[in-house]
Amino acid sequence: DGSMAQVLGMGDSNAFENVFVGGWLCERPKLPGLEQACNMLADNFDHQGQTGHADILTNSAYSRIGCANGQGVWSCDLA
């Protein structure tokens, strides 16, 4: 209950930063403060012009986030 959006990404339990930044936020590498991080973390991802994960994670309509990893998949729910 309360989940308004969700992002999913493949990655083991030690790869949260890589998935969150490199996989999701770096869909929009021109976001303020991301250029250097995207240069280091986005190489393993082929975003194919998609921006949906970054759009959800940077949407000011959401004020709460919860993330977990299960069976090699990261999931974050936003509300």
Protein backbone atom coordinates (compact mmCIF):
# COMPACT_ATOMS: atom_id res chain seq x y z
CA ASP A 1 0.00 0.00 0.00
CA GLY A 2 1.13 3.51 -0.76
CA SER A 3 3.48 2.64 -3.61
CA MET A 4 3.02 5.13 -6.45
CA ALA A 5 5.96 4.10 -8.65
CA GLN A 6 8.60 1.38 -8.85
CA VAL A 7 11.97 0.93 -10.54
CA LEU A 8 13.65 -2.46 -11.05
CA GLY A 9 17.20 -3.37 -12.05
CA MET A 10 19.45 -6.40 -12.14
CA GLY A 11 22.35 -6.45 -9.69
CA ASP A 12 23.64 -8.36 -6.72
CA SER A 13 23.26 -7.14 -3.16
CA ASN A 14 26.63 -5.36 -3.26
CA ALA A 15 25.79 -3.34 -6.39
CA PHE A 16 23.20 -0.84 -5.14
CA GLU A 17 25.16 2.32 -6.05
CA ASN A 18 26.02 0.91 -9.46
CA VAL A 19 22.37 0.10 -10.23
CA PHE A 20 20.87 3.24 -8.65
CA VAL A 21 23.31 5.72 -10.16
CA GLY A 22 24.80 3.99 -13.21
CA GLY A 23 21.70 2.11 -14.26
CA TRP A 24 18.87 4.44 -13.32
CA LEU A 25 19.98 8.04 -12.72
CA CYS A 26 22.53 7.99 -15.56
CA GLU A 27 19.68 7.58 -18.03
CA ARG A 28 19.86 11.39 -17.72
CA PRO A 29 23.63 12.00 -17.37
CA LYS A 30 23.20 15.77 -17.59
CA LEU A 31 21.41 15.90 -14.23
CA PRO A 32 23.35 18.21 -11.89
CA GLY A 33 26.26 16.47 -10.19
CA LEU A 34 26.10 13.23 -12.18
CA GLU A 35 28.63 13.72 -14.97
CA GLN A 36 31.64 12.28 -13.12
CA ALA A 37 29.63 9.47 -11.51
CA CYS A 38 28.11 8.50 -14.86
CA ASN A 39 31.55 8.42 -16.45
CA MET A 40 32.54 5.81 -13.86
CA LEU A 41 29.33 3.82 -13.31
CA ALA A 42 27.29 3.83 -16.52
CA ASP A 43 29.64 1.82 -18.75
CA ASN A 44 27.92 -1.48 -17.96
CA PHE A 45 24.47 -0.19 -18.95
CA ASP A 46 22.88 0.33 -22.36
CA HIS A 47 20.15 2.85 -21.62
CA GLN A 48 18.97 2.86 -25.26
CA GLY A 49 17.60 6.38 -24.85
CA GLN A 50 15.28 5.36 -22.02
CA THR A 51 14.75 7.86 -19.20
CA GLY A 52 11.84 6.37 -17.23
CA HIS A 53 13.81 5.25 -14.17
CA ALA A 54 15.57 8.61 -13.83
CA ASP A 55 12.29 10.45 -14.37
CA ILE A 56 10.64 8.52 -11.55
CA LEU A 57 13.55 8.86 -9.13
CA THR A 58 13.89 12.62 -9.64
CA ASN A 59 10.17 13.40 -9.61
CA SER A 60 9.43 15.82 -6.76
CA ALA A 61 5.94 14.31 -6.35
CA TYR A 62 7.54 11.46 -4.37
CA SER A 63 8.83 12.04 -0.86
CA ARG A 64 9.46 8.46 0.32
CA ILE A 65 11.54 5.63 -1.10
CA GLY A 66 12.26 2.09 0.00
CA CYS A 67 14.67 -0.27 -1.75
CA ALA A 68 15.52 -3.96 -1.43
CA ASN A 69 17.36 -6.70 -3.28
CA GLY A 70 15.97 -10.16 -3.83
CA GLN A 71 17.30 -12.88 -6.12
CA GLY A 72 19.62 -10.47 -7.93
CA VAL A 73 17.01 -7.78 -8.61
CA TRP A 74 16.98 -4.32 -7.02
CA SER A 75 13.56 -2.80 -6.49
CA CYS A 76 12.74 0.65 -5.21
CA ASP A 77 9.17 1.74 -4.44
CA LEU A 78 8.33 5.41 -4.24
CA ALA A 79 5.42 7.21 -2.64
